[in-house]
Amino acid sequence: MNLIAKPSKKNIKTYLPIGVVLVSFSLLDVFINAFISYNILGFLPSQVSYFSPLILGFIGLYLIRIDFSGFSSLDNLNKNINSSNFNAVLSLITLFILIKSIPPLLNWFVLEANFLGNSKEDCTGDGACWVFIRVWFNRFMYGLYPDAEQWRINTAFIMLFIIVGISFFTSEKLKKYFILFLVFVFPFLGIKLISGGSFGLEYVESAAWGGLSLTFIISAFAILFCFPIGVFLALGRRSSLPAIKYISIGFIELWRGVPLITVLFMSAVMFPMFLPDGTFIDKLIRVLIAITLFEAAYMAEVVRGGLQALPKGQYEAAKSLGMGYWKMNALIILPQALKLVIPGIANTLLALVKDTPLIFVVGLMELAGMIGLAKTNPKWLGMAMEGYVFAGLVFWVICYAMSRYSQNLEKKLRTER
C-alpha cells in the first residue's frame, strides 16, 4: 500500500470511484456465486479466484478510507467498519459469510418449506415443515389449558396491555395509581381470572397452564417482585447495621452460588417435605417464589453497583437538607443509581425471561416445554428443528423488544446532554 499515495481529501475524486467499484465488484462476485453458483473470476486459477473477492474488497476499502472526506455516509462507514486494515478484513469476511448464508436459509425457511397441511405426511419438501407449528400453535400458546376457557387468558393479557398503554399517556399524578394497581391488584386479579374457581368460572389447575402464556405469567411476576426485593437487598448490603448487612450478604451469596435448575428442583420436590402435614402450596407458586428470589440476588448486585458509583457528596448533600434515610434514598440516591445501571437491570431481566424454559424440569411446560412434548408425539417425530427455531424466534422478539425499550429509557433519562 505504500506504493501509492495515502488516500486523502486531495485525491478523493480518483480514489473514491475506484474503491467503490472494487468493493462493489467483490460483493457482487460473492453474491452471484452464492445464488447461482457462477464464479465471475473462474478463468483465474482456483486458489486465486477463491481469494480474489477478499483481496479486491480489501484494496477498495483501503482506497475509500479517507479521513474527513466531507461525506457523512462515507465517514460513518470508515468509522464503523473500515477504521483499519484489520477491521476492513473482518468486515469483508463477515459480509461474505452473511451473503453465503442467505440462499440455504432462504431455501429452508421459505422456498422449500411446507406451510399447508394437517399431518407430517404433508411435508414433502427438503425445507422446514411449518405445518408442525400451525397444527400445534394453540398448544404452544396455551399449553394444556382447556380450549373453551382460553378466553380468560386472552382477557387477562388484554387488560394488562390496555392498562400499561393508558399509563404511558396519563399525567405523572395519575401514573402512580396505575403503577400501584399493576403491582398490588392486577396480579391477583389476573391469576384469579385464569385459575377460576369463583365468580362462576371453572377451576383450571396450574398443571394445565403452559405455552407462551405461562412464559409471560412467570416472567411478569418474577420481574414485578424481584426488582423491589433486589433494591432492598442492595440497600441492606450497604447498611451500617451489622445484622441487616450480613443477612443481606448471606442471602445474596447463597442464591448466587446455586444453579437455578437446582433451586427449581428444591422448590418443586424437596420443599414440600418440610411443610406441616395438610399444608399445600401450589407448584407454580413455589416456582414463582424460587425464580423471584434467585433473580433478586442478581438484581441486588446490579443495583449495588449503581449505589457505589454515586459520589459521597450526594449522600452528604441529602443529609444536609435534613432528609432521613428512606427519604434520602427514595428521592436522591436511588433515582440516580438506577439510572446508571439501566443496562445491567435490562440484562438481568432478559436473563430471567430466557431462564423460564428451565421450569420444564419440574413438570411445568411453557413454550419450550410444550415443543419438547410435541416433538415426542409419534405422529410428529423428527420435528424438533422447526419447533426450537420457532421458540428461538419468539424469545428473540421478546428480548429484543425489552432491549430496545431499555435503550429508549436510558436515552430519555440521560441528564448529561
Protein backbone atom coordinates (compact mmCIF):
# COMPACT_ATOMS: atom_id res chain seq x y z
CA MET A 1 0.00 0.00 0.00
CA ASN A 2 2.99 2.31 0.33
CA LEU A 3 3.42 2.22 -3.47
CA ILE A 4 0.52 4.62 -3.87
CA ALA A 5 -0.28 7.91 -2.20
CA LYS A 6 -2.26 7.64 1.02
CA PRO A 7 -5.96 8.26 0.39
CA SER A 8 -6.91 11.77 1.42
CA LYS A 9 -9.31 14.54 0.56
CA LYS A 10 -6.87 15.76 -2.12
CA ASN A 11 -7.17 12.61 -4.24
CA ILE A 12 -10.73 11.68 -3.27
CA LYS A 13 -12.05 12.20 -6.83
CA THR A 14 -9.68 9.49 -8.07
CA TYR A 15 -9.61 7.02 -5.21
CA LEU A 16 -13.27 7.07 -4.18
CA PRO A 17 -14.76 5.84 -7.53
CA ILE A 18 -12.08 3.14 -7.89
CA GLY A 19 -12.59 1.99 -4.30
CA VAL A 20 -16.39 1.84 -4.66
CA VAL A 21 -16.08 -0.17 -7.89
CA LEU A 22 -13.67 -2.69 -6.32
CA VAL A 23 -15.79 -3.19 -3.18
CA SER A 24 -18.99 -3.48 -5.23
CA PHE A 25 -17.37 -5.99 -7.61
CA SER A 26 -16.13 -8.17 -4.73
CA LEU A 27 -19.58 -8.23 -3.11
CA LEU A 28 -21.25 -8.87 -6.47
CA ASP A 29 -18.90 -11.78 -7.17
CA VAL A 30 -19.72 -13.43 -3.83
CA PHE A 31 -23.45 -12.73 -4.30
CA ILE A 32 -23.60 -14.31 -7.77
CA ASN A 33 -21.55 -17.26 -6.62
CA ALA A 34 -23.87 -17.83 -3.65
CA PHE A 35 -27.16 -17.55 -5.55
CA ILE A 36 -26.47 -19.03 -8.98
CA SER A 37 -23.15 -20.84 -8.35
CA TYR A 38 -21.33 -18.86 -11.03
CA ASN A 39 -17.82 -17.55 -10.44
CA ILE A 40 -17.10 -14.34 -12.37
CA LEU A 41 -13.37 -14.82 -11.85
CA GLY A 42 -13.49 -18.51 -12.67
CA PHE A 43 -10.97 -18.08 -15.52
CA LEU A 44 -8.27 -17.49 -12.88
CA PRO A 45 -6.52 -20.35 -11.04
CA SER A 46 -8.80 -21.84 -8.38
CA GLN A 47 -6.85 -20.56 -5.36
CA VAL A 48 -6.51 -17.08 -6.86
CA SER A 49 -10.21 -16.83 -7.78
CA TYR A 50 -11.18 -18.04 -4.29
CA PHE A 51 -9.33 -15.20 -2.52
CA SER A 52 -9.83 -12.54 -5.24
CA PRO A 53 -13.06 -11.06 -3.75
CA LEU A 54 -11.33 -10.59 -0.40
CA ILE A 55 -8.24 -9.02 -1.99
CA LEU A 56 -10.21 -6.70 -4.29
CA GLY A 57 -12.59 -5.71 -1.47
CA PHE A 58 -9.65 -5.00 0.83
CA ILE A 59 -7.97 -2.76 -1.75
CA GLY A 60 -11.27 -0.98 -2.37
CA LEU A 61 -11.84 -0.31 1.34
CA TYR A 62 -8.29 0.99 1.66
CA LEU A 63 -8.84 3.45 -1.18
CA ILE A 64 -12.04 4.86 0.36
CA ARG A 65 -10.56 5.14 3.88
CA ILE A 66 -10.37 8.93 3.69
CA ASP A 67 -10.40 10.95 6.89
CA PHE A 68 -12.84 13.88 6.98
CA SER A 69 -13.97 13.25 3.43
CA GLY A 70 -16.89 15.66 3.69
CA PHE A 71 -19.41 12.87 3.01
CA SER A 72 -21.18 11.87 6.24
CA SER A 73 -22.13 8.41 4.96
CA LEU A 74 -18.53 7.65 3.94
CA ASP A 75 -17.15 8.97 7.23
CA ASN A 76 -19.62 6.81 9.20
CA LEU A 77 -18.72 3.74 7.14
CA ASN A 78 -14.99 4.30 7.73
CA LYS A 79 -15.56 4.90 11.43
CA ASN A 80 -17.67 1.76 11.99
CA ILE A 81 -16.32 -0.97 9.69
CA ASN A 82 -13.25 0.43 7.92
CA SER A 83 -11.18 2.17 10.56
CA SER A 84 -8.12 -0.03 9.96
CA ASN A 85 -6.84 -2.79 7.68
CA PHE A 86 -7.72 -5.42 10.27
CA ASN A 87 -11.29 -4.11 10.64
CA ALA A 88 -11.65 -3.97 6.85
CA VAL A 89 -10.74 -7.66 6.51
CA LEU A 90 -13.09 -8.63 9.35
CA SER A 91 -15.93 -6.60 7.79
CA LEU A 92 -15.46 -8.24 4.39
CA ILE A 93 -15.32 -11.75 5.85
CA THR A 94 -18.47 -11.07 7.86
CA LEU A 95 -20.32 -9.75 4.81
CA PHE A 96 -19.20 -12.70 2.70
CA ILE A 97 -20.39 -15.19 5.32
CA LEU A 98 -23.77 -13.44 5.55
CA ILE A 99 -24.21 -13.44 1.77
CA LYS A 100 -23.21 -17.11 1.55
CA SER A 101 -25.69 -17.99 4.30
CA ILE A 102 -28.72 -16.36 2.66
CA PRO A 103 -29.52 -18.99 -0.05
CA PRO A 104 -29.57 -22.09 2.22
CA LEU A 105 -31.52 -20.24 4.93
CA LEU A 106 -33.98 -18.84 2.38
CA ASN A 107 -34.48 -22.31 0.90
CA TRP A 108 -35.05 -23.94 4.28
CA PHE A 109 -37.28 -21.22 5.74
CA VAL A 110 -39.41 -20.34 2.69
CA LEU A 111 -38.72 -21.72 -0.78
CA GLU A 112 -38.61 -25.44 0.04
CA ALA A 113 -40.74 -25.24 3.19
CA ASN A 114 -44.26 -26.61 3.63
CA PHE A 115 -46.93 -24.36 5.09
CA LEU A 116 -50.21 -26.14 4.31
CA GLY A 117 -51.45 -29.45 5.62
CA ASN A 118 -52.58 -31.23 8.77
CA SER A 119 -50.06 -34.02 9.25
CA LYS A 120 -46.38 -34.86 8.91
CA GLU A 121 -47.12 -36.62 5.60
CA ASP A 122 -47.97 -33.23 4.06
CA CYS A 123 -44.33 -32.16 4.50
CA THR A 124 -42.78 -33.36 1.25
CA GLY A 125 -40.02 -30.78 0.65
CA ASP A 126 -36.47 -30.57 1.95
CA GLY A 127 -37.20 -27.36 3.83
CA ALA A 128 -38.92 -26.62 7.13
CA CYS A 129 -42.23 -28.27 7.98
CA TRP A 130 -44.16 -25.27 9.29
CA VAL A 131 -47.26 -27.47 9.28
CA PHE A 132 -45.98 -28.72 12.66
CA ILE A 133 -46.10 -25.19 14.08
CA ARG A 134 -49.53 -24.49 12.56
CA VAL A 135 -51.10 -27.67 13.93
CA TRP A 136 -49.61 -27.27 17.42
CA PHE A 137 -49.81 -23.47 17.57
CA ASN A 138 -52.72 -23.41 20.03
CA ARG A 139 -50.85 -25.69 22.44
CA PHE A 140 -47.67 -23.66 22.07
CA MET A 141 -49.64 -20.58 23.16
CA TYR A 142 -51.81 -22.02 25.96
CA GLY A 143 -50.36 -25.40 26.89
CA LEU A 144 -52.98 -27.90 28.06
CA TYR A 145 -55.37 -25.16 29.13
CA PRO A 146 -58.96 -26.10 28.06
CA ASP A 147 -59.85 -24.65 24.67
CA ALA A 148 -63.22 -23.37 25.87
CA GLU A 149 -61.60 -21.36 28.69
CA GLN A 150 -58.71 -19.79 26.77
CA TRP A 151 -60.64 -16.54 26.51
CA ARG A 152 -59.80 -15.97 30.18
CA ILE A 153 -56.06 -15.88 29.43
CA ASN A 154 -56.65 -13.56 26.48
CA THR A 155 -58.81 -11.27 28.64
CA ALA A 156 -56.18 -11.07 31.38
CA PHE A 157 -53.39 -10.13 28.97
CA ILE A 158 -55.58 -7.67 27.02
CA MET A 159 -56.42 -5.95 30.30
CA LEU A 160 -52.71 -5.77 31.14
CA PHE A 161 -51.78 -4.27 27.77
CA ILE A 162 -54.60 -1.72 27.95
CA ILE A 163 -53.69 -0.60 31.47
CA VAL A 164 -49.98 -0.33 30.62
CA GLY A 165 -50.79 1.50 27.36
CA ILE A 166 -53.05 4.02 29.10
CA SER A 167 -50.45 4.65 31.81
CA PHE A 168 -47.99 5.92 29.17
CA PHE A 169 -50.35 8.76 28.23
CA THR A 170 -51.57 9.84 31.67
CA SER A 171 -50.16 12.59 33.85
CA GLU A 172 -47.48 11.87 36.42
CA LYS A 173 -50.04 12.32 39.20
CA LEU A 174 -52.29 9.57 37.82
CA LYS A 175 -49.44 7.34 36.69
CA LYS A 176 -48.56 6.35 40.25
CA TYR A 177 -52.08 4.99 40.78
CA PHE A 178 -51.74 2.84 37.66
CA ILE A 179 -48.43 1.51 38.98
CA LEU A 180 -49.96 0.71 42.37
CA PHE A 181 -52.85 -1.09 40.64
CA LEU A 182 -50.45 -3.09 38.44
CA VAL A 183 -48.28 -4.09 41.41
CA PHE A 184 -50.82 -4.80 44.16
CA VAL A 185 -54.16 -5.51 42.47
CA PHE A 186 -53.82 -6.75 38.91
CA PRO A 187 -51.50 -9.76 39.57
CA PHE A 188 -54.05 -11.32 41.93
CA LEU A 189 -56.99 -10.32 39.74
CA GLY A 190 -55.33 -11.82 36.66
CA ILE A 191 -54.39 -15.06 38.43
CA LYS A 192 -57.91 -15.38 39.81
CA LEU A 193 -59.36 -14.92 36.34
CA ILE A 194 -57.03 -17.53 34.81
CA SER A 195 -57.27 -20.11 37.61
CA GLY A 196 -61.01 -19.71 38.17
CA GLY A 197 -62.85 -21.46 40.99
CA SER A 198 -65.04 -18.45 41.77
CA PHE A 199 -67.38 -15.99 40.04
CA GLY A 200 -68.86 -18.92 38.13
CA LEU A 201 -65.56 -19.72 36.39
CA GLU A 202 -64.42 -23.32 36.06
CA TYR A 203 -61.30 -24.12 38.07
CA VAL A 204 -58.23 -24.94 35.96
CA GLU A 205 -55.30 -26.44 37.84
CA SER A 206 -51.89 -24.88 37.28
CA ALA A 207 -50.53 -28.15 35.83
CA ALA A 208 -52.68 -27.43 32.74
CA TRP A 209 -51.20 -23.97 32.28
CA GLY A 210 -48.45 -23.81 29.73
CA GLY A 211 -47.10 -22.49 26.46
CA LEU A 212 -46.15 -18.90 25.81
CA SER A 213 -48.85 -17.64 28.17
CA LEU A 214 -47.13 -19.39 31.10
CA THR A 215 -43.80 -17.90 29.99
CA PHE A 216 -45.36 -14.43 30.17
CA ILE A 217 -47.01 -15.12 33.54
CA ILE A 218 -43.82 -16.34 35.20
CA SER A 219 -41.70 -13.60 33.61
CA ALA A 220 -44.15 -10.83 34.57
CA PHE A 221 -44.48 -11.96 38.20
CA ALA A 222 -40.76 -12.52 38.66
CA ILE A 223 -39.88 -9.15 37.10
CA LEU A 224 -42.55 -7.41 39.18
CA PHE A 225 -41.27 -8.71 42.51
CA CYS A 226 -37.55 -9.38 42.01
CA PHE A 227 -36.80 -5.72 41.33
CA PRO A 228 -38.05 -4.23 44.66
CA ILE A 229 -36.61 -7.18 46.60
CA GLY A 230 -33.27 -6.65 44.85
CA VAL A 231 -33.31 -2.95 45.72
CA PHE A 232 -33.92 -3.67 49.42
CA LEU A 233 -31.17 -6.31 49.42
CA ALA A 234 -28.73 -3.85 47.83
CA LEU A 235 -29.58 -1.23 50.46
CA GLY A 236 -29.30 -3.89 53.16
CA ARG A 237 -25.86 -4.97 51.99
CA ARG A 238 -24.64 -1.36 52.34
CA SER A 239 -26.35 -0.86 55.69
CA SER A 240 -24.35 0.19 58.73
CA LEU A 241 -26.35 -2.23 60.91
CA PRO A 242 -24.35 -5.50 61.10
CA ALA A 243 -27.39 -7.79 61.40
CA ILE A 244 -29.09 -6.38 58.28
CA LYS A 245 -25.82 -6.18 56.37
CA TYR A 246 -24.71 -9.78 56.96
CA ILE A 247 -28.20 -11.22 56.46
CA SER A 248 -28.33 -9.47 53.08
CA ILE A 249 -24.83 -10.65 52.16
CA GLY A 250 -25.65 -14.22 53.17
CA PHE A 251 -28.89 -14.22 51.17
CA ILE A 252 -27.26 -12.81 48.04
CA GLU A 253 -24.23 -15.09 48.11
CA LEU A 254 -26.35 -18.18 48.84
CA TRP A 255 -28.72 -17.66 45.91
CA ARG A 256 -26.00 -16.55 43.51
CA GLY A 257 -23.93 -19.61 44.35
CA VAL A 258 -26.62 -22.17 43.45
CA PRO A 259 -27.69 -23.04 39.87
CA LEU A 260 -31.27 -22.10 39.02
CA ILE A 261 -32.10 -25.66 37.98
CA THR A 262 -31.16 -26.82 41.49
CA VAL A 263 -33.30 -24.10 43.05
CA LEU A 264 -36.29 -25.15 40.94
CA PHE A 265 -35.79 -28.81 41.83
CA MET A 266 -35.61 -27.96 45.54
CA SER A 267 -38.76 -25.82 45.39
CA ALA A 268 -40.78 -28.43 43.49
CA VAL A 269 -39.59 -31.67 45.09
CA MET A 270 -37.87 -31.13 48.45
CA PHE A 271 -39.57 -28.02 49.86
CA PRO A 272 -42.99 -29.75 50.29
CA MET A 273 -41.26 -32.33 52.54
CA PHE A 274 -40.57 -29.63 55.13
CA LEU A 275 -44.16 -28.34 55.25
CA PRO A 276 -46.51 -29.37 58.08
CA ASP A 277 -48.98 -32.15 57.37
CA GLY A 278 -52.01 -30.90 55.48
CA THR A 279 -50.23 -27.82 54.17
CA PHE A 280 -50.16 -27.45 50.39
CA ILE A 281 -48.59 -24.75 48.24
CA ASP A 282 -49.20 -24.96 44.51
CA LYS A 283 -46.14 -25.95 42.47
CA LEU A 284 -46.44 -22.86 40.25
CA ILE A 285 -46.40 -20.60 43.33
CA ARG A 286 -43.29 -22.36 44.63
CA VAL A 287 -41.56 -21.99 41.26
CA LEU A 288 -42.50 -18.30 41.07
CA ILE A 289 -41.06 -17.67 44.53
CA ALA A 290 -37.89 -19.59 43.69
CA ILE A 291 -37.24 -17.71 40.43
CA THR A 292 -38.06 -14.37 42.05
CA LEU A 293 -35.63 -14.86 44.95
CA PHE A 294 -32.94 -16.21 42.62
CA GLU A 295 -33.15 -13.23 40.25
CA ALA A 296 -33.49 -10.78 43.15
CA ALA A 297 -29.98 -11.76 44.32
CA TYR A 298 -28.55 -10.84 40.91
CA MET A 299 -30.64 -7.67 40.76
CA ALA A 300 -29.28 -6.65 44.17
CA GLU A 301 -25.70 -6.73 42.92
CA VAL A 302 -26.62 -4.68 39.84
CA VAL A 303 -28.31 -2.03 41.99
CA ARG A 304 -25.39 -2.07 44.45
CA GLY A 305 -23.09 -1.20 41.57
CA GLY A 306 -25.18 1.89 40.88
CA LEU A 307 -25.17 2.88 44.55
CA GLN A 308 -21.38 2.60 44.73
CA ALA A 309 -20.99 4.68 41.57
CA LEU A 310 -22.55 7.73 43.19
CA PRO A 311 -20.13 10.20 44.77
CA LYS A 312 -20.20 10.60 48.54
CA GLY A 313 -21.24 14.21 48.09
CA GLN A 314 -24.75 13.14 47.05
CA TYR A 315 -25.31 11.47 50.41
CA GLU A 316 -23.87 14.44 52.30
CA ALA A 317 -25.98 16.90 50.33
CA ALA A 318 -29.16 14.95 51.10
CA LYS A 319 -28.29 14.76 54.81
CA SER A 320 -27.53 18.47 54.89
CA LEU A 321 -31.11 19.09 53.78
CA GLY A 322 -32.35 17.21 56.83
CA MET A 323 -33.52 14.12 54.93
CA GLY A 324 -33.85 10.83 56.74
CA TYR A 325 -32.54 7.51 55.45
CA TRP A 326 -35.60 6.43 53.50
CA LYS A 327 -36.42 9.86 52.11
CA MET A 328 -32.79 10.35 51.04
CA ASN A 329 -32.71 7.04 49.19
CA ALA A 330 -36.15 7.41 47.63
CA LEU A 331 -35.70 10.98 46.35
CA ILE A 332 -31.96 11.46 45.84
CA ILE A 333 -29.90 8.27 45.80
CA LEU A 334 -31.97 5.56 44.11
CA PRO A 335 -33.20 7.68 41.16
CA GLN A 336 -29.59 8.45 40.22
CA ALA A 337 -28.26 4.95 40.96
CA LEU A 338 -30.96 3.15 39.00
CA LYS A 339 -30.45 5.44 36.03
CA LEU A 340 -26.78 4.47 35.93
CA VAL A 341 -27.47 0.73 35.89
CA ILE A 342 -30.35 0.53 33.40
CA PRO A 343 -28.24 -1.69 31.06
CA GLY A 344 -27.45 -4.05 33.93
CA ILE A 345 -31.08 -4.18 35.05
CA ALA A 346 -32.21 -4.89 31.49
CA ASN A 347 -29.58 -7.63 31.19
CA THR A 348 -30.81 -9.31 34.37
CA LEU A 349 -34.45 -9.17 33.24
CA LEU A 350 -33.54 -10.57 29.83
CA ALA A 351 -31.74 -13.46 31.55
CA LEU A 352 -34.84 -14.04 33.67
CA VAL A 353 -37.08 -14.36 30.60
CA LYS A 354 -34.65 -16.75 28.91
CA ASP A 355 -34.36 -18.86 32.08
CA THR A 356 -38.09 -19.68 32.17
CA PRO A 357 -37.71 -22.83 29.97
CA LEU A 358 -35.90 -24.46 32.93
CA ILE A 359 -39.25 -24.93 34.69
CA PHE A 360 -39.73 -27.89 32.36
CA VAL A 361 -37.60 -29.96 34.75
CA VAL A 362 -40.32 -29.68 37.44
CA GLY A 363 -43.19 -30.58 35.13
CA LEU A 364 -44.39 -27.12 34.09
CA MET A 365 -44.46 -26.80 30.32
CA GLU A 366 -44.04 -23.28 29.00
CA LEU A 367 -43.24 -22.68 25.31
CA ALA A 368 -40.04 -24.73 25.10
CA GLY A 369 -41.57 -27.43 27.28
CA MET A 370 -44.62 -27.73 25.02
CA ILE A 371 -42.35 -28.01 22.00
CA GLY A 372 -40.45 -30.76 23.76
CA LEU A 373 -43.75 -32.54 24.39
CA ALA A 374 -44.99 -32.07 20.82
CA LYS A 375 -41.84 -33.40 19.19
CA THR A 376 -42.16 -36.66 21.13
CA ASN A 377 -45.64 -37.28 19.70
CA PRO A 378 -45.40 -40.42 17.50
CA LYS A 379 -47.17 -38.60 14.64
CA TRP A 380 -44.63 -35.75 14.66
CA LEU A 381 -41.29 -37.38 15.35
CA GLY A 382 -38.36 -35.50 13.82
CA MET A 383 -39.91 -32.03 14.06
CA ALA A 384 -37.56 -30.73 16.78
CA MET A 385 -35.73 -28.33 14.45
CA GLU A 386 -38.85 -26.39 13.42
CA GLY A 387 -40.11 -26.22 16.99
CA TYR A 388 -36.92 -24.89 18.51
CA VAL A 389 -36.37 -22.40 15.66
CA PHE A 390 -39.89 -21.10 16.32
CA ALA A 391 -39.17 -20.84 20.07
CA GLY A 392 -35.86 -19.10 19.37
CA LEU A 393 -37.55 -16.51 17.16
CA VAL A 394 -40.25 -15.86 19.76
CA PHE A 395 -37.73 -15.37 22.56
CA TRP A 396 -35.59 -13.17 20.31
CA VAL A 397 -38.56 -10.89 19.56
CA ILE A 398 -39.44 -10.63 23.26
CA CYS A 399 -35.87 -9.94 24.37
CA TYR A 400 -35.17 -7.53 21.52
CA ALA A 401 -38.30 -5.52 22.40
CA MET A 402 -37.19 -5.35 26.04
CA SER A 403 -33.69 -4.33 24.98
CA ARG A 404 -34.96 -1.55 22.72
CA TYR A 405 -37.23 -0.25 25.47
CA SER A 406 -34.33 -0.15 27.94
CA GLN A 407 -32.22 1.77 25.42
CA ASN A 408 -35.01 4.29 24.86
CA LEU A 409 -35.48 4.64 28.61
CA GLU A 410 -31.74 5.19 29.02
CA LYS A 411 -31.79 7.98 26.43
CA LYS A 412 -34.89 9.54 27.97
CA LEU A 413 -33.35 9.67 31.45
CA ARG A 414 -29.94 10.83 30.29
CA THR A 415 -29.20 14.11 32.06
CA GLU A 416 -25.63 14.74 30.84
CA ARG A 417 -26.87 16.07 27.49
